[in-house]
Amino acid sequence: MVVIRLSRGGAKARPFFNIVVADKRVRRDGRFIERLGFYNPSAKGGEEGLRIAQDRLAYWVGVGAQTSPTVDRLIKQAAKQAA
């Protein structure tokens, strides 16, 4: 099964997450199929905190990829920012 989930990066006290499409059996920060965007929870000031490629997201959901609950929440948040 293919899932859309977060992959953690960044430093010890400064998390940074990539939104990736990966096989469910692969570990969290392991191999992925495609990077769809990023989420930076510690973005300050004018820094961009969230970016998602909506066209690629629609494609992967259309072919049956499941989203994690956290990615679902971030998708709703991105849609609210765009509106």
C-alpha atoms as a PDB file:
ATOM      1  CA  MET A   1       0.000   0.000   0.000  1.00  0.00           C
ATOM      2  CA  VAL A   2       1.186   3.519  -0.785  1.00  0.00           C
ATOM      3  CA  VAL A   3       0.832   6.198   1.897  1.00  0.00           C
ATOM      4  CA  ILE A   4       1.349   9.955   2.059  1.00  0.00           C
ATOM      5  CA  ARG A   5       3.098  10.759   5.321  1.00  0.00           C
ATOM      6  CA  LEU A   6       5.686  12.919   7.046  1.00  0.00           C
ATOM      7  CA  SER A   7       9.404  12.166   6.994  1.00  0.00           C
ATOM      8  CA  ARG A   8      11.388  13.910   9.724  1.00  0.00           C
ATOM      9  CA  GLY A   9      14.526  15.910   9.121  1.00  0.00           C
ATOM     10  CA  GLY A  10      16.231  18.873  10.719  1.00  0.00           C
ATOM     11  CA  ALA A  11      18.244  19.087  13.908  1.00  0.00           C
ATOM     12  CA  LYS A  12      17.565  17.739  17.384  1.00  0.00           C
ATOM     13  CA  ALA A  13      15.496  20.671  18.674  1.00  0.00           C
ATOM     14  CA  ARG A  14      14.463  22.065  15.260  1.00  0.00           C
ATOM     15  CA  PRO A  15      12.222  19.578  13.450  1.00  0.00           C
ATOM     16  CA  PHE A  16      11.519  19.830   9.736  1.00  0.00           C
ATOM     17  CA  PHE A  17       9.204  17.438   7.920  1.00  0.00           C
ATOM     18  CA  ASN A  18       8.983  16.473   4.264  1.00  0.00           C
ATOM     19  CA  ILE A  19       5.590  15.342   2.986  1.00  0.00           C
ATOM     20  CA  VAL A  20       6.380  12.208   0.999  1.00  0.00           C
ATOM     21  CA  VAL A  21       4.703   9.374  -0.869  1.00  0.00           C
ATOM     22  CA  ALA A  22       6.140   6.062   0.323  1.00  0.00           C
ATOM     23  CA  ASP A  23       5.438   2.369   0.561  1.00  0.00           C
ATOM     24  CA  LYS A  24       3.805   1.599   3.912  1.00  0.00           C
ATOM     25  CA  ARG A  25       6.413  -1.076   4.709  1.00  0.00           C
ATOM     26  CA  VAL A  26       9.366   1.340   4.485  1.00  0.00           C
ATOM     27  CA  ARG A  27      10.565   3.027   7.688  1.00  0.00           C
ATOM     28  CA  ARG A  28       9.517   6.620   8.432  1.00  0.00           C
ATOM     29  CA  ASP A  29      12.696   8.362   7.245  1.00  0.00           C
ATOM     30  CA  GLY A  30      13.661   5.742   4.656  1.00  0.00           C
ATOM     31  CA  ARG A  31      13.174   5.448   0.930  1.00  0.00           C
ATOM     32  CA  PHE A  32      10.265   7.329  -0.635  1.00  0.00           C
ATOM     33  CA  ILE A  33       8.676   7.535  -4.077  1.00  0.00           C
ATOM     34  CA  GLU A  34       8.090  11.283  -4.372  1.00  0.00           C
ATOM     35  CA  ARG A  35       8.375  14.418  -2.236  1.00  0.00           C
ATOM     36  CA  LEU A  36       5.163  16.468  -2.328  1.00  0.00           C
ATOM     37  CA  GLY A  37       6.113  19.345  -0.052  1.00  0.00           C
ATOM     38  CA  PHE A  38       7.275  20.271   3.407  1.00  0.00           C
ATOM     39  CA  TYR A  39       6.064  21.323   6.847  1.00  0.00           C
ATOM     40  CA  ASN A  40       8.193  23.515   9.120  1.00  0.00           C
ATOM     41  CA  PRO A  41       6.510  23.731  12.551  1.00  0.00           C
ATOM     42  CA  SER A  42       9.141  26.170  13.851  1.00  0.00           C
ATOM     43  CA  ALA A  43       8.785  28.732  11.020  1.00  0.00           C
ATOM     44  CA  LYS A  44       9.064  32.285  12.304  1.00  0.00           C
ATOM     45  CA  GLY A  45       8.169  35.631  10.808  1.00  0.00           C
ATOM     46  CA  GLY A  46       7.973  35.611   7.036  1.00  0.00           C
ATOM     47  CA  GLU A  47       9.265  32.052   6.611  1.00  0.00           C
ATOM     48  CA  GLU A  48       7.020  29.647   4.759  1.00  0.00           C
ATOM     49  CA  GLY A  49       5.766  26.976   7.148  1.00  0.00           C
ATOM     50  CA  LEU A  50       3.836  24.698   4.799  1.00  0.00           C
ATOM     51  CA  ARG A  51       3.933  23.927   1.088  1.00  0.00           C
ATOM     52  CA  ILE A  52       2.104  21.114  -0.710  1.00  0.00           C
ATOM     53  CA  ALA A  53       2.046  20.446  -4.469  1.00  0.00           C
ATOM     54  CA  GLN A  54      -1.734  20.167  -4.841  1.00  0.00           C
ATOM     55  CA  ASP A  55      -1.617  18.719  -8.378  1.00  0.00           C
ATOM     56  CA  ARG A  56       0.669  15.848  -7.340  1.00  0.00           C
ATOM     57  CA  LEU A  57      -1.350  15.294  -4.160  1.00  0.00           C
ATOM     58  CA  ALA A  58      -4.529  14.972  -6.229  1.00  0.00           C
ATOM     59  CA  TYR A  59      -2.784  12.508  -8.543  1.00  0.00           C
ATOM     60  CA  TRP A  60      -1.588  10.234  -5.732  1.00  0.00           C
ATOM     61  CA  VAL A  61      -4.926  10.290  -3.925  1.00  0.00           C
ATOM     62  CA  GLY A  62      -6.586   9.534  -7.281  1.00  0.00           C
ATOM     63  CA  VAL A  63      -4.513   6.387  -7.769  1.00  0.00           C
ATOM     64  CA  GLY A  64      -5.315   5.139  -4.267  1.00  0.00           C
ATOM     65  CA  ALA A  65      -2.664   6.482  -1.877  1.00  0.00           C
ATOM     66  CA  GLN A  66      -3.846   6.820   1.720  1.00  0.00           C
ATOM     67  CA  THR A  67      -2.981   9.904   3.775  1.00  0.00           C
ATOM     68  CA  SER A  68      -1.896   9.803   7.395  1.00  0.00           C
ATOM     69  CA  PRO A  69      -4.080  11.674   9.927  1.00  0.00           C
ATOM     70  CA  THR A  70      -1.427  14.363  10.383  1.00  0.00           C
ATOM     71  CA  VAL A  71      -1.097  14.905   6.636  1.00  0.00           C
ATOM     72  CA  ASP A  72      -4.910  15.129   6.424  1.00  0.00           C
ATOM     73  CA  ARG A  73      -4.806  17.930   8.984  1.00  0.00           C
ATOM     74  CA  LEU A  74      -2.015  19.732   7.086  1.00  0.00           C
ATOM     75  CA  ILE A  75      -3.920  19.436   3.782  1.00  0.00           C
ATOM     76  CA  LYS A  76      -6.941  21.117   5.387  1.00  0.00           C
ATOM     77  CA  GLN A  77      -4.673  23.793   6.834  1.00  0.00           C
ATOM     78  CA  ALA A  78      -3.088  24.449   3.398  1.00  0.00           C
ATOM     79  CA  ALA A  79      -6.531  24.676   1.779  1.00  0.00           C
ATOM     80  CA  LYS A  80      -7.591  27.208   4.404  1.00  0.00           C
ATOM     81  CA  GLN A  81      -4.457  29.311   3.740  1.00  0.00           C
ATOM     82  CA  ALA A  82      -5.066  29.234  -0.018  1.00  0.00           C
ATOM     83  CA  ALA A  83      -8.684  30.398   0.328  1.00  0.00           C
END
